[in-house]
Amino acid sequence: MLAIFLSVTYLLALAALSFNQYIPTMLFIFIISLNVLSFLFYLVDKYKAKNDYWRIKESTLHFLSLLGGWPGAAVAQQWLKHKNRKKTFQIRYRLTVVANIAVLTTLLYLFHAANKQW
C-alpha cells in the first residue's frame, strides 16, 4: 500500500511541476505513458506466467522503471501480486527507482540553475 501511495504522490508532484511549467508538458505526458506501458507489461507478463508462455525479460521491466515507469510498475506489483516477492528483482527495481529520481532531480536542478534570471 505504501508503494501505491508513494507512486501516486510522485505522479501528482510531477503533474504540479508540469502545471506550473517547471517541466515540459510533453515530458509529463511521456512519463505518464511510460507508467501505463509499464503496468501493461507487468499485466502481460503475469498472464504469460500463468499460462506457461515465454515471459517478458526482467531487464525490460527494469528498463521501463528506469526510464520513469516505476510508479506504474509499483501499482502493478501490488494489484497483480506479480514480482513483489522475488528479492533480487525487488532490489534491482528499487535501484531503478532511486536512479530515476536522482537523474530527474539533477536534470531539474541543472535546467533551472542554467535558466535562472536575475
N, C-alpha and C. Protein backbone atom coordinates (compact mmCIF):
# COMPACT_ATOMS: atom_id res chain seq x y z
N MET A 1 0.82 -1.20 0.00
CA MET A 1 0.00 0.00 0.00
C MET A 1 0.87 1.27 0.00
N LEU A 2 1.99 1.21 0.72
CA LEU A 2 2.91 2.35 0.75
C LEU A 2 3.45 2.64 -0.65
N ALA A 3 3.74 1.58 -1.40
CA ALA A 3 4.27 1.75 -2.76
C ALA A 3 3.27 2.50 -3.64
N ILE A 4 2.00 2.17 -3.51
CA ILE A 4 0.98 2.85 -4.31
C ILE A 4 0.87 4.31 -3.87
N PHE A 5 0.88 4.56 -2.57
CA PHE A 5 0.82 5.93 -2.06
C PHE A 5 1.99 6.77 -2.58
N LEU A 6 3.20 6.22 -2.50
CA LEU A 6 4.38 6.94 -2.98
C LEU A 6 4.33 7.17 -4.48
N SER A 7 3.82 6.20 -5.22
CA SER A 7 3.71 6.33 -6.67
C SER A 7 2.73 7.44 -7.05
N VAL A 8 1.58 7.44 -6.40
CA VAL A 8 0.57 8.46 -6.69
C VAL A 8 1.10 9.84 -6.29
N THR A 9 1.76 9.92 -5.14
CA THR A 9 2.33 11.19 -4.68
C THR A 9 3.36 11.72 -5.68
N TYR A 10 4.22 10.82 -6.16
CA TYR A 10 5.25 11.20 -7.15
C TYR A 10 4.60 11.73 -8.43
N LEU A 11 3.58 11.02 -8.92
CA LEU A 11 2.93 11.45 -10.16
C LEU A 11 2.17 12.77 -9.97
N LEU A 12 1.57 12.96 -8.80
CA LEU A 12 0.91 14.24 -8.52
C LEU A 12 1.92 15.38 -8.44
N ALA A 13 3.09 15.10 -7.88
CA ALA A 13 4.15 16.12 -7.83
C ALA A 13 4.60 16.48 -9.24
N LEU A 14 4.74 15.47 -10.10
CA LEU A 14 5.11 15.75 -11.50
C LEU A 14 4.02 16.55 -12.21
N ALA A 15 2.76 16.22 -11.91
CA ALA A 15 1.65 16.97 -12.50
C ALA A 15 1.71 18.44 -12.07
N ALA A 16 2.00 18.67 -10.80
CA ALA A 16 2.12 20.04 -10.30
C ALA A 16 3.30 20.76 -10.96
N LEU A 17 4.42 20.06 -11.11
CA LEU A 17 5.58 20.66 -11.78
C LEU A 17 5.24 21.01 -13.23
N SER A 18 4.51 20.14 -13.88
CA SER A 18 4.12 20.38 -15.27
C SER A 18 3.14 21.55 -15.36
N PHE A 19 2.15 21.55 -14.47
CA PHE A 19 1.14 22.62 -14.46
C PHE A 19 1.79 23.98 -14.23
N ASN A 20 2.79 24.03 -13.36
CA ASN A 20 3.49 25.28 -13.06
C ASN A 20 4.67 25.54 -13.97
N GLN A 21 4.79 24.76 -15.02
CA GLN A 21 5.78 24.91 -16.08
C GLN A 21 7.23 24.77 -15.60
N TYR A 22 7.43 23.94 -14.58
CA TYR A 22 8.80 23.61 -14.17
C TYR A 22 9.36 22.47 -15.00
N ILE A 23 8.46 21.65 -15.54
CA ILE A 23 8.87 20.62 -16.51
C ILE A 23 7.95 20.75 -17.72
N PRO A 24 8.44 20.41 -18.90
CA PRO A 24 7.59 20.49 -20.09
C PRO A 24 6.41 19.53 -20.01
N THR A 25 5.28 19.98 -20.52
CA THR A 25 4.08 19.14 -20.53
C THR A 25 4.33 17.84 -21.27
N MET A 26 5.11 17.90 -22.35
CA MET A 26 5.39 16.68 -23.12
C MET A 26 6.19 15.67 -22.29
N LEU A 27 7.06 16.14 -21.41
CA LEU A 27 7.80 15.23 -20.53
C LEU A 27 6.83 14.54 -19.57
N PHE A 28 5.90 15.30 -19.02
CA PHE A 28 4.90 14.72 -18.13
C PHE A 28 4.06 13.67 -18.86
N ILE A 29 3.62 13.99 -20.07
CA ILE A 29 2.84 13.04 -20.87
C ILE A 29 3.67 11.79 -21.17
N PHE A 30 4.95 11.98 -21.49
CA PHE A 30 5.84 10.85 -21.74
C PHE A 30 5.95 9.95 -20.51
N ILE A 31 6.11 10.55 -19.34
CA ILE A 31 6.24 9.76 -18.11
C ILE A 31 4.94 9.02 -17.80
N ILE A 32 3.81 9.68 -17.98
CA ILE A 32 2.52 9.01 -17.76
C ILE A 32 2.38 7.84 -18.73
N SER A 33 2.75 8.05 -19.99
CA SER A 33 2.69 6.97 -20.99
C SER A 33 3.58 5.80 -20.60
N LEU A 34 4.77 6.09 -20.09
CA LEU A 34 5.68 5.03 -19.63
C LEU A 34 5.05 4.24 -18.48
N ASN A 35 4.33 4.91 -17.62
CA ASN A 35 3.69 4.23 -16.50
C ASN A 35 2.57 3.31 -16.96
N VAL A 36 1.79 3.76 -17.91
CA VAL A 36 0.74 2.90 -18.48
C VAL A 36 1.38 1.70 -19.16
N LEU A 37 2.42 1.96 -19.95
CA LEU A 37 3.12 0.88 -20.65
C LEU A 37 3.73 -0.11 -19.65
N SER A 38 4.34 0.40 -18.61
CA SER A 38 4.95 -0.45 -17.60
C SER A 38 3.90 -1.35 -16.94
N PHE A 39 2.77 -0.76 -16.57
CA PHE A 39 1.69 -1.55 -15.97
C PHE A 39 1.23 -2.64 -16.93
N LEU A 40 1.06 -2.29 -18.20
CA LEU A 40 0.62 -3.27 -19.19
C LEU A 40 1.64 -4.39 -19.38
N PHE A 41 2.93 -4.06 -19.34
CA PHE A 41 3.97 -5.09 -19.46
C PHE A 41 3.89 -6.08 -18.29
N TYR A 42 3.67 -5.57 -17.09
CA TYR A 42 3.51 -6.45 -15.93
C TYR A 42 2.25 -7.32 -16.09
N LEU A 43 1.19 -6.73 -16.58
CA LEU A 43 -0.06 -7.47 -16.79
C LEU A 43 0.15 -8.60 -17.79
N VAL A 44 0.81 -8.31 -18.89
CA VAL A 44 1.09 -9.33 -19.91
C VAL A 44 2.02 -10.40 -19.34
N ASP A 45 3.04 -9.99 -18.59
CA ASP A 45 3.97 -10.96 -18.02
C ASP A 45 3.26 -11.87 -17.01
N LYS A 46 2.35 -11.32 -16.24
CA LYS A 46 1.57 -12.12 -15.29
C LYS A 46 0.73 -13.15 -16.04
N TYR A 47 0.10 -12.71 -17.13
CA TYR A 47 -0.70 -13.61 -17.95
C TYR A 47 0.18 -14.73 -18.52
N LYS A 48 1.34 -14.35 -19.04
CA LYS A 48 2.25 -15.34 -19.62
C LYS A 48 2.75 -16.32 -18.55
N ALA A 49 2.99 -15.84 -17.35
CA ALA A 49 3.45 -16.71 -16.27
C ALA A 49 2.37 -17.74 -15.91
N LYS A 50 1.13 -17.30 -15.86
CA LYS A 50 0.04 -18.21 -15.50
C LYS A 50 -0.25 -19.23 -16.60
N ASN A 51 0.04 -18.87 -17.84
CA ASN A 51 -0.30 -19.74 -18.97
C ASN A 51 0.91 -20.42 -19.60
N ASP A 52 2.03 -20.36 -18.92
CA ASP A 52 3.24 -21.07 -19.35
C ASP A 52 3.76 -20.64 -20.73
N TYR A 53 3.72 -19.33 -21.00
CA TYR A 53 4.27 -18.80 -22.25
C TYR A 53 5.64 -18.18 -21.96
N TRP A 54 6.35 -17.83 -23.06
CA TRP A 54 7.61 -17.11 -22.91
C TRP A 54 7.33 -15.80 -22.21
N ARG A 55 8.17 -15.47 -21.25
CA ARG A 55 7.96 -14.31 -20.39
C ARG A 55 8.68 -13.08 -20.92
N ILE A 56 8.26 -11.94 -20.41
CA ILE A 56 8.95 -10.68 -20.69
C ILE A 56 10.21 -10.66 -19.83
N LYS A 57 11.32 -10.26 -20.42
CA LYS A 57 12.59 -10.24 -19.68
C LYS A 57 12.51 -9.26 -18.51
N GLU A 58 13.10 -9.66 -17.40
CA GLU A 58 13.14 -8.76 -16.24
C GLU A 58 13.88 -7.48 -16.57
N SER A 59 14.89 -7.58 -17.43
CA SER A 59 15.65 -6.38 -17.81
C SER A 59 14.75 -5.37 -18.53
N THR A 60 13.77 -5.86 -19.27
CA THR A 60 12.82 -4.96 -19.95
C THR A 60 11.96 -4.24 -18.92
N LEU A 61 11.48 -4.97 -17.92
CA LEU A 61 10.66 -4.35 -16.87
C LEU A 61 11.48 -3.32 -16.10
N HIS A 62 12.74 -3.65 -15.82
CA HIS A 62 13.60 -2.70 -15.11
C HIS A 62 13.92 -1.47 -15.97
N PHE A 63 14.10 -1.68 -17.25
CA PHE A 63 14.40 -0.55 -18.15
C PHE A 63 13.23 0.43 -18.17
N LEU A 64 12.00 -0.08 -18.23
CA LEU A 64 10.83 0.79 -18.20
C LEU A 64 10.78 1.57 -16.88
N SER A 65 11.12 0.91 -15.78
CA SER A 65 11.15 1.59 -14.48
C SER A 65 12.22 2.67 -14.45
N LEU A 66 13.37 2.35 -14.99
CA LEU A 66 14.48 3.30 -15.02
C LEU A 66 14.13 4.54 -15.83
N LEU A 67 13.41 4.36 -16.93
CA LEU A 67 13.02 5.49 -17.77
C LEU A 67 11.97 6.39 -17.11
N GLY A 68 11.28 5.86 -16.09
CA GLY A 68 10.27 6.66 -15.40
C GLY A 68 8.97 5.94 -15.16
N GLY A 69 8.87 4.70 -15.58
CA GLY A 69 7.63 3.94 -15.41
C GLY A 69 7.53 3.19 -14.10
N TRP A 70 8.38 3.55 -13.13
CA TRP A 70 8.38 2.82 -11.86
C TRP A 70 7.09 2.95 -11.05
N PRO A 71 6.36 4.09 -11.09
CA PRO A 71 5.10 4.11 -10.35
C PRO A 71 4.08 3.11 -10.91
N GLY A 72 4.02 3.01 -12.24
CA GLY A 72 3.13 2.02 -12.85
C GLY A 72 3.54 0.60 -12.50
N ALA A 73 4.85 0.38 -12.41
CA ALA A 73 5.36 -0.93 -12.00
C ALA A 73 4.98 -1.23 -10.56
N ALA A 74 5.08 -0.23 -9.69
CA ALA A 74 4.73 -0.43 -8.28
C ALA A 74 3.26 -0.78 -8.12
N VAL A 75 2.41 -0.08 -8.85
CA VAL A 75 0.98 -0.37 -8.78
C VAL A 75 0.71 -1.78 -9.30
N ALA A 76 1.34 -2.14 -10.41
CA ALA A 76 1.15 -3.48 -10.98
C ALA A 76 1.63 -4.56 -10.01
N GLN A 77 2.78 -4.34 -9.39
CA GLN A 77 3.31 -5.33 -8.45
C GLN A 77 2.34 -5.57 -7.30
N GLN A 78 1.70 -4.51 -6.83
CA GLN A 78 0.77 -4.64 -5.71
C GLN A 78 -0.58 -5.21 -6.14
N TRP A 79 -1.17 -4.63 -7.17
CA TRP A 79 -2.51 -5.06 -7.59
C TRP A 79 -2.51 -6.45 -8.21
N LEU A 80 -1.49 -6.73 -9.01
CA LEU A 80 -1.43 -8.02 -9.69
C LEU A 80 -0.70 -9.08 -8.87
N LYS A 81 -0.08 -8.65 -7.77
CA LYS A 81 0.75 -9.53 -6.95
C LYS A 81 1.76 -10.27 -7.83
N HIS A 82 2.47 -9.47 -8.60
CA HIS A 82 3.43 -10.02 -9.57
C HIS A 82 4.79 -9.38 -9.35
N LYS A 83 5.81 -10.22 -9.19
CA LYS A 83 7.20 -9.80 -8.99
C LYS A 83 7.39 -9.07 -7.66
N ASN A 84 6.45 -9.22 -6.74
CA ASN A 84 6.56 -8.48 -5.48
C ASN A 84 7.22 -9.29 -4.36
N ARG A 85 7.53 -10.55 -4.60
CA ARG A 85 8.17 -11.38 -3.57
C ARG A 85 9.60 -11.78 -3.92
N LYS A 86 9.98 -11.63 -5.16
CA LYS A 86 11.30 -12.06 -5.60
C LYS A 86 12.33 -11.02 -5.15
N LYS A 87 13.18 -11.41 -4.20
CA LYS A 87 14.13 -10.46 -3.57
C LYS A 87 15.06 -9.78 -4.57
N THR A 88 15.70 -10.57 -5.45
CA THR A 88 16.66 -9.96 -6.38
C THR A 88 15.97 -8.98 -7.31
N PHE A 89 14.77 -9.31 -7.74
CA PHE A 89 14.02 -8.40 -8.61
C PHE A 89 13.70 -7.12 -7.85
N GLN A 90 13.25 -7.23 -6.61
CA GLN A 90 12.88 -6.06 -5.83
C GLN A 90 14.08 -5.15 -5.55
N ILE A 91 15.24 -5.74 -5.32
CA ILE A 91 16.45 -4.93 -5.10
C ILE A 91 16.77 -4.13 -6.35
N ARG A 92 16.76 -4.81 -7.49
CA ARG A 92 17.04 -4.11 -8.76
C ARG A 92 15.97 -3.06 -9.06
N TYR A 93 14.72 -3.41 -8.80
CA TYR A 93 13.62 -2.46 -9.03
C TYR A 93 13.84 -1.19 -8.19
N ARG A 94 14.15 -1.36 -6.93
CA ARG A 94 14.36 -0.20 -6.05
C ARG A 94 15.54 0.65 -6.50
N LEU A 95 16.56 -0.01 -7.01
CA LEU A 95 17.71 0.73 -7.55
C LEU A 95 17.30 1.57 -8.76
N THR A 96 16.40 1.03 -9.61
CA THR A 96 15.94 1.81 -10.76
C THR A 96 15.12 3.02 -10.31
N VAL A 97 14.35 2.85 -9.23
CA VAL A 97 13.56 3.97 -8.70
C VAL A 97 14.49 5.08 -8.21
N VAL A 98 15.48 4.70 -7.41
CA VAL A 98 16.43 5.68 -6.88
C VAL A 98 17.18 6.37 -8.02
N ALA A 99 17.62 5.59 -8.99
CA ALA A 99 18.36 6.16 -10.13
C ALA A 99 17.49 7.12 -10.92
N ASN A 100 16.24 6.75 -11.17
CA ASN A 100 15.34 7.62 -11.93
C ASN A 100 15.10 8.93 -11.20
N ILE A 101 14.82 8.86 -9.92
CA ILE A 101 14.56 10.08 -9.15
C ILE A 101 15.82 10.94 -9.08
N ALA A 102 16.97 10.32 -8.91
CA ALA A 102 18.23 11.07 -8.84
C ALA A 102 18.51 11.79 -10.15
N VAL A 103 18.33 11.11 -11.26
CA VAL A 103 18.59 11.73 -12.57
C VAL A 103 17.59 12.85 -12.83
N LEU A 104 16.32 12.61 -12.57
CA LEU A 104 15.30 13.64 -12.80
C LEU A 104 15.55 14.86 -11.92
N THR A 105 15.88 14.64 -10.66
CA THR A 105 16.16 15.75 -9.74
C THR A 105 17.38 16.55 -10.20
N THR A 106 18.42 15.84 -10.60
CA THR A 106 19.63 16.51 -11.09
C THR A 106 19.34 17.33 -12.34
N LEU A 107 18.59 16.75 -13.28
CA LEU A 107 18.25 17.47 -14.51
C LEU A 107 17.40 18.70 -14.22
N LEU A 108 16.45 18.58 -13.30
CA LEU A 108 15.62 19.73 -12.93
C LEU A 108 16.49 20.83 -12.32
N TYR A 109 17.38 20.44 -11.44
CA TYR A 109 18.27 21.42 -10.80
C TYR A 109 19.14 22.12 -11.83
N LEU A 110 19.78 21.34 -12.70
CA LEU A 110 20.67 21.92 -13.71
C LEU A 110 19.90 22.81 -14.69
N PHE A 111 18.72 22.36 -15.09
CA PHE A 111 17.91 23.15 -16.02
C PHE A 111 17.53 24.49 -15.41
N HIS A 112 17.07 24.47 -14.18
CA HIS A 112 16.63 25.71 -13.55
C HIS A 112 17.81 26.59 -13.13
N ALA A 113 18.94 25.98 -12.80
CA ALA A 113 20.13 26.78 -12.48
C ALA A 113 20.63 27.50 -13.72
N ALA A 114 20.57 26.82 -14.86
CA ALA A 114 21.03 27.41 -16.12
C ALA A 114 20.09 28.50 -16.61
N ASN A 115 18.81 28.39 -16.29
CA ASN A 115 17.81 29.34 -16.79
C ASN A 115 17.40 30.37 -15.75
N LYS A 116 18.09 30.40 -14.65
CA LYS A 116 17.75 31.35 -13.59
C LYS A 116 18.04 32.77 -14.07
N GLN A 117 17.05 33.62 -13.93
CA GLN A 117 17.21 35.02 -14.36
C GLN A 117 17.32 35.90 -13.12
N TRP A 118 18.23 36.85 -13.16
CA TRP A 118 18.42 37.75 -12.02
C TRP A 118 17.80 39.07 -12.29
